[in-house]
Amino acid sequence: MIKNYLEQLRIQRWDDHRYYHHSRINQSLHFVSALSFLSPMSGCLSIPWSPRWWAGWSR
């Protein structure tokens, strides 16, 4: 009985893993999420290299 339960649990975990990682919708949503995280970060990382930063924000 317990052995059967553990086997069913193993199969369910594998199916969940496979459907999650091989789903085009999930991969697309993950890609959009990553882009939405990286776009503000790229702006923050570029501030120290902008000319206004070196000029002391003066005009």
N, C-alpha and C. Protein backbone atom coordinates (compact mmCIF):
# COMPACT_ATOMS: atom_id res chain seq x y z
N MET A 1 0.82 -1.20 0.00
CA MET A 1 0.00 0.00 0.00
C MET A 1 0.87 1.27 0.00
N ILE A 2 1.85 1.35 0.88
CA ILE A 2 2.71 2.52 0.94
C ILE A 2 3.61 2.56 -0.30
N LYS A 3 4.05 1.40 -0.73
CA LYS A 3 4.90 1.36 -1.92
C LYS A 3 4.15 1.87 -3.15
N ASN A 4 2.89 1.50 -3.27
CA ASN A 4 2.05 1.98 -4.36
C ASN A 4 1.85 3.50 -4.27
N TYR A 5 1.63 3.98 -3.06
CA TYR A 5 1.47 5.42 -2.84
C TYR A 5 2.73 6.19 -3.25
N LEU A 6 3.88 5.70 -2.84
CA LEU A 6 5.14 6.37 -3.17
C LEU A 6 5.41 6.34 -4.67
N GLU A 7 5.04 5.25 -5.32
CA GLU A 7 5.20 5.18 -6.78
C GLU A 7 4.29 6.18 -7.48
N GLN A 8 3.05 6.28 -7.03
CA GLN A 8 2.14 7.27 -7.61
C GLN A 8 2.63 8.70 -7.36
N LEU A 9 3.18 8.94 -6.18
CA LEU A 9 3.72 10.26 -5.87
C LEU A 9 4.91 10.59 -6.76
N ARG A 10 5.77 9.61 -7.01
CA ARG A 10 6.92 9.81 -7.89
C ARG A 10 6.47 10.15 -9.31
N ILE A 11 5.47 9.44 -9.79
CA ILE A 11 4.94 9.69 -11.13
C ILE A 11 4.33 11.08 -11.21
N GLN A 12 3.58 11.45 -10.18
CA GLN A 12 2.94 12.78 -10.17
C GLN A 12 3.99 13.89 -10.15
N ARG A 13 5.03 13.71 -9.38
CA ARG A 13 6.08 14.73 -9.33
C ARG A 13 6.77 14.88 -10.69
N TRP A 14 7.04 13.75 -11.34
CA TRP A 14 7.68 13.80 -12.66
C TRP A 14 6.77 14.49 -13.66
N ASP A 15 5.47 14.16 -13.64
CA ASP A 15 4.52 14.80 -14.56
C ASP A 15 4.45 16.30 -14.32
N ASP A 16 4.39 16.70 -13.04
CA ASP A 16 4.35 18.13 -12.72
C ASP A 16 5.60 18.84 -13.22
N HIS A 17 6.74 18.22 -12.99
CA HIS A 17 8.01 18.80 -13.44
C HIS A 17 8.03 18.92 -14.97
N ARG A 18 7.60 17.88 -15.64
CA ARG A 18 7.63 17.88 -17.11
C ARG A 18 6.67 18.92 -17.67
N TYR A 19 5.46 18.99 -17.16
CA TYR A 19 4.48 19.94 -17.67
C TYR A 19 4.89 21.38 -17.38
N TYR A 20 5.52 21.59 -16.22
CA TYR A 20 5.94 22.94 -15.85
C TYR A 20 7.08 23.42 -16.74
N HIS A 21 8.09 22.61 -16.93
CA HIS A 21 9.28 23.05 -17.66
C HIS A 21 9.15 22.95 -19.17
N HIS A 22 8.18 22.22 -19.66
CA HIS A 22 8.05 22.06 -21.10
C HIS A 22 6.82 22.77 -21.65
N SER A 23 6.21 23.61 -20.84
CA SER A 23 5.03 24.34 -21.28
C SER A 23 5.46 25.63 -21.97
N ARG A 24 5.03 25.82 -23.22
CA ARG A 24 5.38 27.05 -23.96
C ARG A 24 4.80 28.29 -23.29
N ILE A 25 3.60 28.16 -22.75
CA ILE A 25 2.98 29.31 -22.06
C ILE A 25 3.81 29.68 -20.84
N ASN A 26 4.21 28.69 -20.05
CA ASN A 26 5.00 28.97 -18.87
C ASN A 26 6.36 29.56 -19.24
N GLN A 27 6.98 29.03 -20.27
CA GLN A 27 8.27 29.56 -20.70
C GLN A 27 8.13 31.00 -21.18
N SER A 28 7.04 31.30 -21.89
CA SER A 28 6.82 32.66 -22.37
C SER A 28 6.60 33.63 -21.21
N LEU A 29 5.79 33.21 -20.24
CA LEU A 29 5.55 34.07 -19.08
C LEU A 29 6.83 34.27 -18.27
N HIS A 30 7.64 33.25 -18.16
CA HIS A 30 8.91 33.38 -17.46
C HIS A 30 9.85 34.35 -18.19
N PHE A 31 9.85 34.29 -19.50
CA PHE A 31 10.68 35.20 -20.30
C PHE A 31 10.23 36.65 -20.12
N VAL A 32 8.92 36.89 -20.17
CA VAL A 32 8.39 38.25 -19.97
C VAL A 32 8.73 38.74 -18.57
N SER A 33 8.61 37.87 -17.59
CA SER A 33 8.94 38.24 -16.21
C SER A 33 10.42 38.60 -16.09
N ALA A 34 11.28 37.82 -16.72
CA ALA A 34 12.72 38.11 -16.67
C ALA A 34 13.03 39.45 -17.34
N LEU A 35 12.39 39.72 -18.46
CA LEU A 35 12.62 41.00 -19.14
C LEU A 35 12.14 42.18 -18.30
N SER A 36 11.00 42.01 -17.63
CA SER A 36 10.49 43.11 -16.80
C SER A 36 11.40 43.35 -15.60
N PHE A 37 12.12 42.33 -15.16
CA PHE A 37 13.07 42.51 -14.08
C PHE A 37 14.37 43.14 -14.58
N LEU A 38 14.82 42.73 -15.75
CA LEU A 38 16.11 43.19 -16.25
C LEU A 38 16.07 44.60 -16.83
N SER A 39 14.94 45.04 -17.36
CA SER A 39 14.90 46.36 -17.99
C SER A 39 15.13 47.49 -16.99
N PRO A 40 14.52 47.49 -15.79
CA PRO A 40 14.86 48.56 -14.84
C PRO A 40 16.29 48.42 -14.32
N MET A 41 16.77 47.18 -14.20
CA MET A 41 18.12 46.98 -13.71
C MET A 41 19.14 47.53 -14.70
N SER A 42 18.89 47.40 -15.98
CA SER A 42 19.85 47.91 -16.95
C SER A 42 19.90 49.43 -16.88
N GLY A 43 18.77 50.07 -16.60
CA GLY A 43 18.77 51.52 -16.44
C GLY A 43 19.54 51.96 -15.21
N CYS A 44 19.38 51.22 -14.12
CA CYS A 44 20.10 51.56 -12.89
C CYS A 44 21.60 51.35 -13.04
N LEU A 45 21.96 50.32 -13.77
CA LEU A 45 23.39 50.05 -13.94
C LEU A 45 24.06 51.04 -14.88
N SER A 46 23.28 51.71 -15.73
CA SER A 46 23.88 52.64 -16.68
C SER A 46 24.04 54.05 -16.10
N ILE A 47 23.42 54.33 -14.97
CA ILE A 47 23.49 55.68 -14.39
C ILE A 47 24.93 56.11 -14.07
N PRO A 48 25.73 55.28 -13.41
CA PRO A 48 27.10 55.74 -13.10
C PRO A 48 27.94 56.02 -14.34
N TRP A 49 27.56 55.50 -15.49
CA TRP A 49 28.35 55.70 -16.69
C TRP A 49 27.81 56.84 -17.55
N SER A 50 26.75 57.50 -17.10
CA SER A 50 26.21 58.60 -17.89
C SER A 50 27.02 59.87 -17.66
N PRO A 51 27.10 60.75 -18.64
CA PRO A 51 27.88 61.98 -18.49
C PRO A 51 27.37 62.88 -17.36
N ARG A 52 26.06 62.88 -17.10
CA ARG A 52 25.54 63.74 -16.03
C ARG A 52 26.03 63.27 -14.67
N TRP A 53 26.22 61.97 -14.53
CA TRP A 53 26.72 61.46 -13.26
C TRP A 53 28.12 62.01 -12.98
N TRP A 54 28.97 61.98 -14.00
CA TRP A 54 30.34 62.47 -13.81
C TRP A 54 30.39 63.98 -13.67
N ALA A 55 29.40 64.66 -14.23
CA ALA A 55 29.39 66.12 -14.15
C ALA A 55 28.73 66.61 -12.86
N GLY A 56 28.35 65.73 -11.98
CA GLY A 56 27.74 66.13 -10.72
C GLY A 56 26.30 66.58 -10.88
N TRP A 57 25.61 66.09 -11.89
CA TRP A 57 24.20 66.41 -12.16
C TRP A 57 24.01 67.89 -12.45
N SER A 58 25.04 68.59 -12.80
CA SER A 58 24.90 70.02 -13.13
C SER A 58 24.55 70.17 -14.61
N ARG A 59 23.98 71.32 -14.92
CA ARG A 59 23.59 71.58 -16.31
C ARG A 59 24.61 72.46 -16.99
